[in-house]
Amino acid sequence: MASSRLADIRQKLQQSRNDTLQLLHTINEQAINRRIRPDAWSIKDHVVHLVAVEESVLHFAHRISHEDCPISPLCYDLAFNQDAWNNREVAKRADYTWAQTIAALHQTRAELLVLLDRIPEEALNRVGSHPAWGTPVTLASVLRIPYRHERGHRDEIAALSELAAEGAKNR
């Protein structure tokens, strides 16, 4: 029996988040807020960024599933800048504690999995427009963003964790 696209997306979302949480549980508490440069993101910044992107995915996926060809409000911003958006969203969550950050990571994924339960398979072909994700972009593509995006940040988090461990050894 062929598996559905929704089941495949769900499995990849769950595996990706499990891999991320497993990594995060190995990180030394002192490494969480360490920056390799003043303008660089910390491990916590990477994690709150994942939360922000997932919140955005949830919002837009909900719109695509309920509206005909929705256009993200960001499409109307002629000067839309992905880096500026990312930094703004991280700054909004700067005062999160590590516990709040991890709780938000769990919450956004739980909400996304609930949304998957409510989406019929045929809705995956519905489209919308988003300045960063595509014009047009299908609902299926939007739902794949979290696990694909998370993989790159997980690699960054692992590298930052290793740097912090090396720095601790050299003290």
C-alpha atoms as a PDB file:
ATOM      1  CA  MET A   1       0.000   0.000   0.000  1.00  0.00           C
ATOM      2  CA  ALA A   2       1.394   3.393  -0.995  1.00  0.00           C
ATOM      3  CA  SER A   3       1.850   5.854   1.814  1.00  0.00           C
ATOM      4  CA  SER A   4       0.151   9.200   1.569  1.00  0.00           C
ATOM      5  CA  ARG A   5       2.016  12.472   1.163  1.00  0.00           C
ATOM      6  CA  LEU A   6       0.551  13.608   4.493  1.00  0.00           C
ATOM      7  CA  ALA A   7       1.910  10.516   6.243  1.00  0.00           C
ATOM      8  CA  ASP A   8       5.316  11.111   4.670  1.00  0.00           C
ATOM      9  CA  ILE A   9       5.336  14.776   5.754  1.00  0.00           C
ATOM     10  CA  ARG A  10       4.245  13.781   9.280  1.00  0.00           C
ATOM     11  CA  GLN A  11       6.972  11.142   9.570  1.00  0.00           C
ATOM     12  CA  LYS A  12       9.672  13.573   8.390  1.00  0.00           C
ATOM     13  CA  LEU A  13       8.422  16.321  10.720  1.00  0.00           C
ATOM     14  CA  GLN A  14       8.498  13.935  13.675  1.00  0.00           C
ATOM     15  CA  GLN A  15      11.922  12.503  12.824  1.00  0.00           C
ATOM     16  CA  SER A  16      13.434  15.936  12.289  1.00  0.00           C
ATOM     17  CA  ARG A  17      12.096  17.264  15.580  1.00  0.00           C
ATOM     18  CA  ASN A  18      13.260  14.147  17.432  1.00  0.00           C
ATOM     19  CA  ASP A  19      16.759  14.625  15.962  1.00  0.00           C
ATOM     20  CA  THR A  20      16.746  18.291  16.996  1.00  0.00           C
ATOM     21  CA  LEU A  21      15.538  17.592  20.528  1.00  0.00           C
ATOM     22  CA  GLN A  22      18.083  14.820  20.943  1.00  0.00           C
ATOM     23  CA  LEU A  23      20.829  17.287  19.976  1.00  0.00           C
ATOM     24  CA  LEU A  24      19.475  20.034  22.228  1.00  0.00           C
ATOM     25  CA  HIS A  25      19.456  17.702  25.240  1.00  0.00           C
ATOM     26  CA  THR A  26      23.224  17.206  24.835  1.00  0.00           C
ATOM     27  CA  ILE A  27      24.049  20.915  24.923  1.00  0.00           C
ATOM     28  CA  ASN A  28      25.796  22.385  27.916  1.00  0.00           C
ATOM     29  CA  GLU A  29      23.709  25.127  29.578  1.00  0.00           C
ATOM     30  CA  GLN A  30      26.581  27.635  29.252  1.00  0.00           C
ATOM     31  CA  ALA A  31      26.671  27.145  25.470  1.00  0.00           C
ATOM     32  CA  ILE A  32      23.042  28.125  24.857  1.00  0.00           C
ATOM     33  CA  ASN A  33      23.566  31.894  24.745  1.00  0.00           C
ATOM     34  CA  ARG A  34      27.206  31.954  23.627  1.00  0.00           C
ATOM     35  CA  ARG A  35      27.929  33.920  20.448  1.00  0.00           C
ATOM     36  CA  ILE A  36      31.012  33.314  18.351  1.00  0.00           C
ATOM     37  CA  ARG A  37      30.794  36.967  17.225  1.00  0.00           C
ATOM     38  CA  PRO A  38      28.693  39.806  18.636  1.00  0.00           C
ATOM     39  CA  ASP A  39      26.458  39.808  15.542  1.00  0.00           C
ATOM     40  CA  ALA A  40      26.160  36.003  15.291  1.00  0.00           C
ATOM     41  CA  TRP A  41      23.210  33.969  16.477  1.00  0.00           C
ATOM     42  CA  SER A  42      23.496  31.857  19.593  1.00  0.00           C
ATOM     43  CA  ILE A  43      22.094  28.339  19.852  1.00  0.00           C
ATOM     44  CA  LYS A  44      19.005  29.793  21.532  1.00  0.00           C
ATOM     45  CA  ASP A  45      18.609  32.278  18.660  1.00  0.00           C
ATOM     46  CA  HIS A  46      18.634  29.409  16.148  1.00  0.00           C
ATOM     47  CA  VAL A  47      15.984  27.578  18.152  1.00  0.00           C
ATOM     48  CA  VAL A  48      13.685  30.600  18.546  1.00  0.00           C
ATOM     49  CA  HIS A  49      14.117  31.194  14.819  1.00  0.00           C
ATOM     50  CA  LEU A  50      12.810  27.671  14.210  1.00  0.00           C
ATOM     51  CA  VAL A  51       9.813  28.557  16.378  1.00  0.00           C
ATOM     52  CA  ALA A  52       9.193  31.767  14.407  1.00  0.00           C
ATOM     53  CA  VAL A  53       9.387  30.037  11.045  1.00  0.00           C
ATOM     54  CA  GLU A  54       7.106  27.253  12.207  1.00  0.00           C
ATOM     55  CA  GLU A  55       4.564  29.798  13.482  1.00  0.00           C
ATOM     56  CA  SER A  56       4.692  31.432  10.061  1.00  0.00           C
ATOM     57  CA  VAL A  57       4.279  28.061   8.331  1.00  0.00           C
ATOM     58  CA  LEU A  58       1.278  27.290  10.526  1.00  0.00           C
ATOM     59  CA  HIS A  59      -0.367  30.602   9.714  1.00  0.00           C
ATOM     60  CA  PHE A  60       0.223  30.367   5.980  1.00  0.00           C
ATOM     61  CA  ALA A  61      -0.661  26.660   5.737  1.00  0.00           C
ATOM     62  CA  HIS A  62      -3.944  27.410   7.487  1.00  0.00           C
ATOM     63  CA  ARG A  63      -4.629  30.191   4.991  1.00  0.00           C
ATOM     64  CA  ILE A  64      -3.839  28.011   1.965  1.00  0.00           C
ATOM     65  CA  SER A  65      -6.078  25.250   3.260  1.00  0.00           C
ATOM     66  CA  HIS A  66      -9.012  27.646   3.810  1.00  0.00           C
ATOM     67  CA  GLU A  67      -8.663  30.363   1.153  1.00  0.00           C
ATOM     68  CA  ASP A  68      -8.371  30.367  -2.608  1.00  0.00           C
ATOM     69  CA  CYS A  69      -4.854  31.403  -3.630  1.00  0.00           C
ATOM     70  CA  PRO A  70      -3.961  33.435  -0.536  1.00  0.00           C
ATOM     71  CA  ILE A  71      -1.208  35.986  -0.799  1.00  0.00           C
ATOM     72  CA  SER A  72       1.036  36.500   2.192  1.00  0.00           C
ATOM     73  CA  PRO A  73       0.920  40.092   3.440  1.00  0.00           C
ATOM     74  CA  LEU A  74       4.711  39.998   3.104  1.00  0.00           C
ATOM     75  CA  CYS A  75       4.237  39.909  -0.686  1.00  0.00           C
ATOM     76  CA  TYR A  76       3.019  43.513  -0.519  1.00  0.00           C
ATOM     77  CA  ASP A  77       6.246  44.656   1.105  1.00  0.00           C
ATOM     78  CA  LEU A  78       8.292  45.687  -1.930  1.00  0.00           C
ATOM     79  CA  ALA A  79      11.387  45.858   0.249  1.00  0.00           C
ATOM     80  CA  PHE A  80      10.827  42.467   1.901  1.00  0.00           C
ATOM     81  CA  ASN A  81      14.115  41.236   3.282  1.00  0.00           C
ATOM     82  CA  GLN A  82      14.318  37.694   4.622  1.00  0.00           C
ATOM     83  CA  ASP A  83      17.318  38.438   6.850  1.00  0.00           C
ATOM     84  CA  ALA A  84      15.580  41.465   8.385  1.00  0.00           C
ATOM     85  CA  TRP A  85      12.442  39.383   9.015  1.00  0.00           C
ATOM     86  CA  ASN A  86      14.514  36.617  10.623  1.00  0.00           C
ATOM     87  CA  ASN A  87      16.327  39.046  12.914  1.00  0.00           C
ATOM     88  CA  ARG A  88      13.090  40.811  13.892  1.00  0.00           C
ATOM     89  CA  GLU A  89      11.443  37.509  14.794  1.00  0.00           C
ATOM     90  CA  VAL A  90      14.448  36.388  16.846  1.00  0.00           C
ATOM     91  CA  ALA A  91      14.521  39.760  18.616  1.00  0.00           C
ATOM     92  CA  LYS A  92      10.801  39.396  19.508  1.00  0.00           C
ATOM     93  CA  ARG A  93      11.677  36.231  21.411  1.00  0.00           C
ATOM     94  CA  ALA A  94      14.960  37.420  22.937  1.00  0.00           C
ATOM     95  CA  ASP A  95      13.634  37.340  26.479  1.00  0.00           C
ATOM     96  CA  TYR A  96      12.503  33.706  26.303  1.00  0.00           C
ATOM     97  CA  THR A  97      14.183  31.508  28.865  1.00  0.00           C
ATOM     98  CA  TRP A  98      15.672  28.268  27.589  1.00  0.00           C
ATOM     99  CA  ALA A  99      12.713  26.383  29.087  1.00  0.00           C
ATOM    100  CA  GLN A 100      10.263  28.699  27.288  1.00  0.00           C
ATOM    101  CA  THR A 101      12.198  28.260  24.053  1.00  0.00           C
ATOM    102  CA  ILE A 102      12.010  24.465  24.251  1.00  0.00           C
ATOM    103  CA  ALA A 103       8.316  24.632  25.231  1.00  0.00           C
ATOM    104  CA  ALA A 104       7.599  26.854  22.208  1.00  0.00           C
ATOM    105  CA  LEU A 105       9.470  24.401  19.977  1.00  0.00           C
ATOM    106  CA  HIS A 106       7.265  21.568  21.258  1.00  0.00           C
ATOM    107  CA  GLN A 107       4.113  23.693  20.949  1.00  0.00           C
ATOM    108  CA  THR A 108       4.600  24.771  17.339  1.00  0.00           C
ATOM    109  CA  ARG A 109       5.312  21.213  16.214  1.00  0.00           C
ATOM    110  CA  ALA A 110       2.283  19.897  18.100  1.00  0.00           C
ATOM    111  CA  GLU A 111       0.106  22.532  16.417  1.00  0.00           C
ATOM    112  CA  LEU A 112       1.520  21.610  13.019  1.00  0.00           C
ATOM    113  CA  LEU A 113       0.774  17.920  13.581  1.00  0.00           C
ATOM    114  CA  VAL A 114      -2.803  18.776  14.605  1.00  0.00           C
ATOM    115  CA  LEU A 115      -3.146  20.825  11.417  1.00  0.00           C
ATOM    116  CA  LEU A 116      -1.970  17.803   9.390  1.00  0.00           C
ATOM    117  CA  ASP A 117      -4.799  15.769  10.922  1.00  0.00           C
ATOM    118  CA  ARG A 118      -7.324  18.275   9.578  1.00  0.00           C
ATOM    119  CA  ILE A 119      -6.002  18.560   6.036  1.00  0.00           C
ATOM    120  CA  PRO A 120      -7.417  16.255   3.369  1.00  0.00           C
ATOM    121  CA  GLU A 121      -4.807  14.785   1.038  1.00  0.00           C
ATOM    122  CA  GLU A 122      -6.268  16.599  -1.987  1.00  0.00           C
ATOM    123  CA  ALA A 123      -5.734  19.971  -0.271  1.00  0.00           C
ATOM    124  CA  LEU A 124      -1.966  19.526  -0.594  1.00  0.00           C
ATOM    125  CA  ASN A 125      -2.208  20.817  -4.174  1.00  0.00           C
ATOM    126  CA  ARG A 126      -3.808  24.124  -3.142  1.00  0.00           C
ATOM    127  CA  VAL A 127      -1.592  27.143  -3.817  1.00  0.00           C
ATOM    128  CA  GLY A 128      -0.751  30.531  -2.408  1.00  0.00           C
ATOM    129  CA  SER A 129       1.939  33.180  -2.821  1.00  0.00           C
ATOM    130  CA  HIS A 130       4.725  33.927  -0.375  1.00  0.00           C
ATOM    131  CA  PRO A 131       7.823  36.094  -1.011  1.00  0.00           C
ATOM    132  CA  ALA A 132      10.240  33.580   0.521  1.00  0.00           C
ATOM    133  CA  TRP A 133       8.531  30.272  -0.250  1.00  0.00           C
ATOM    134  CA  GLY A 134       7.282  30.817  -3.782  1.00  0.00           C
ATOM    135  CA  THR A 135       4.687  32.169  -6.130  1.00  0.00           C
ATOM    136  CA  PRO A 136       2.893  29.912  -6.502  1.00  0.00           C
ATOM    137  CA  VAL A 137       3.691  27.557  -3.658  1.00  0.00           C
ATOM    138  CA  THR A 138       1.652  24.455  -2.833  1.00  0.00           C
ATOM    139  CA  LEU A 139       0.407  23.566   0.612  1.00  0.00           C
ATOM    140  CA  ALA A 140       2.506  20.393   0.425  1.00  0.00           C
ATOM    141  CA  SER A 141       5.647  22.484  -0.143  1.00  0.00           C
ATOM    142  CA  VAL A 142       4.804  24.792   2.756  1.00  0.00           C
ATOM    143  CA  LEU A 143       4.323  21.802   5.067  1.00  0.00           C
ATOM    144  CA  ARG A 144       7.752  20.441   4.078  1.00  0.00           C
ATOM    145  CA  ILE A 145       9.524  23.692   4.994  1.00  0.00           C
ATOM    146  CA  PRO A 146       9.900  22.980   8.737  1.00  0.00           C
ATOM    147  CA  TYR A 147      11.842  19.729   8.447  1.00  0.00           C
ATOM    148  CA  ARG A 148      13.980  20.911   5.545  1.00  0.00           C
ATOM    149  CA  HIS A 149      14.713  24.210   7.254  1.00  0.00           C
ATOM    150  CA  GLU A 150      15.320  22.579  10.625  1.00  0.00           C
ATOM    151  CA  ARG A 151      18.056  20.346   9.201  1.00  0.00           C
ATOM    152  CA  GLY A 152      20.286  23.317   8.342  1.00  0.00           C
ATOM    153  CA  HIS A 153      19.805  24.955  11.710  1.00  0.00           C
ATOM    154  CA  ARG A 154      20.429  21.653  13.481  1.00  0.00           C
ATOM    155  CA  ASP A 155      23.816  21.532  11.719  1.00  0.00           C
ATOM    156  CA  GLU A 156      24.534  25.106  12.862  1.00  0.00           C
ATOM    157  CA  ILE A 157      23.500  24.281  16.428  1.00  0.00           C
ATOM    158  CA  ALA A 158      25.755  21.202  16.443  1.00  0.00           C
ATOM    159  CA  ALA A 159      28.697  23.279  15.191  1.00  0.00           C
ATOM    160  CA  LEU A 160      28.094  25.979  17.824  1.00  0.00           C
ATOM    161  CA  SER A 161      27.863  23.315  20.519  1.00  0.00           C
ATOM    162  CA  GLU A 162      31.185  21.823  19.411  1.00  0.00           C
ATOM    163  CA  LEU A 163      32.830  25.256  19.415  1.00  0.00           C
ATOM    164  CA  ALA A 164      31.541  25.906  22.924  1.00  0.00           C
ATOM    165  CA  ALA A 165      32.867  22.533  24.106  1.00  0.00           C
ATOM    166  CA  GLU A 166      36.268  23.229  22.562  1.00  0.00           C
ATOM    167  CA  GLY A 167      36.338  26.682  24.171  1.00  0.00           C
ATOM    168  CA  ALA A 168      35.528  25.177  27.564  1.00  0.00           C
ATOM    169  CA  LYS A 169      38.393  22.685  27.206  1.00  0.00           C
ATOM    170  CA  ASN A 170      40.872  25.435  26.335  1.00  0.00           C
ATOM    171  CA  ARG A 171      40.070  27.515  29.417  1.00  0.00           C
END
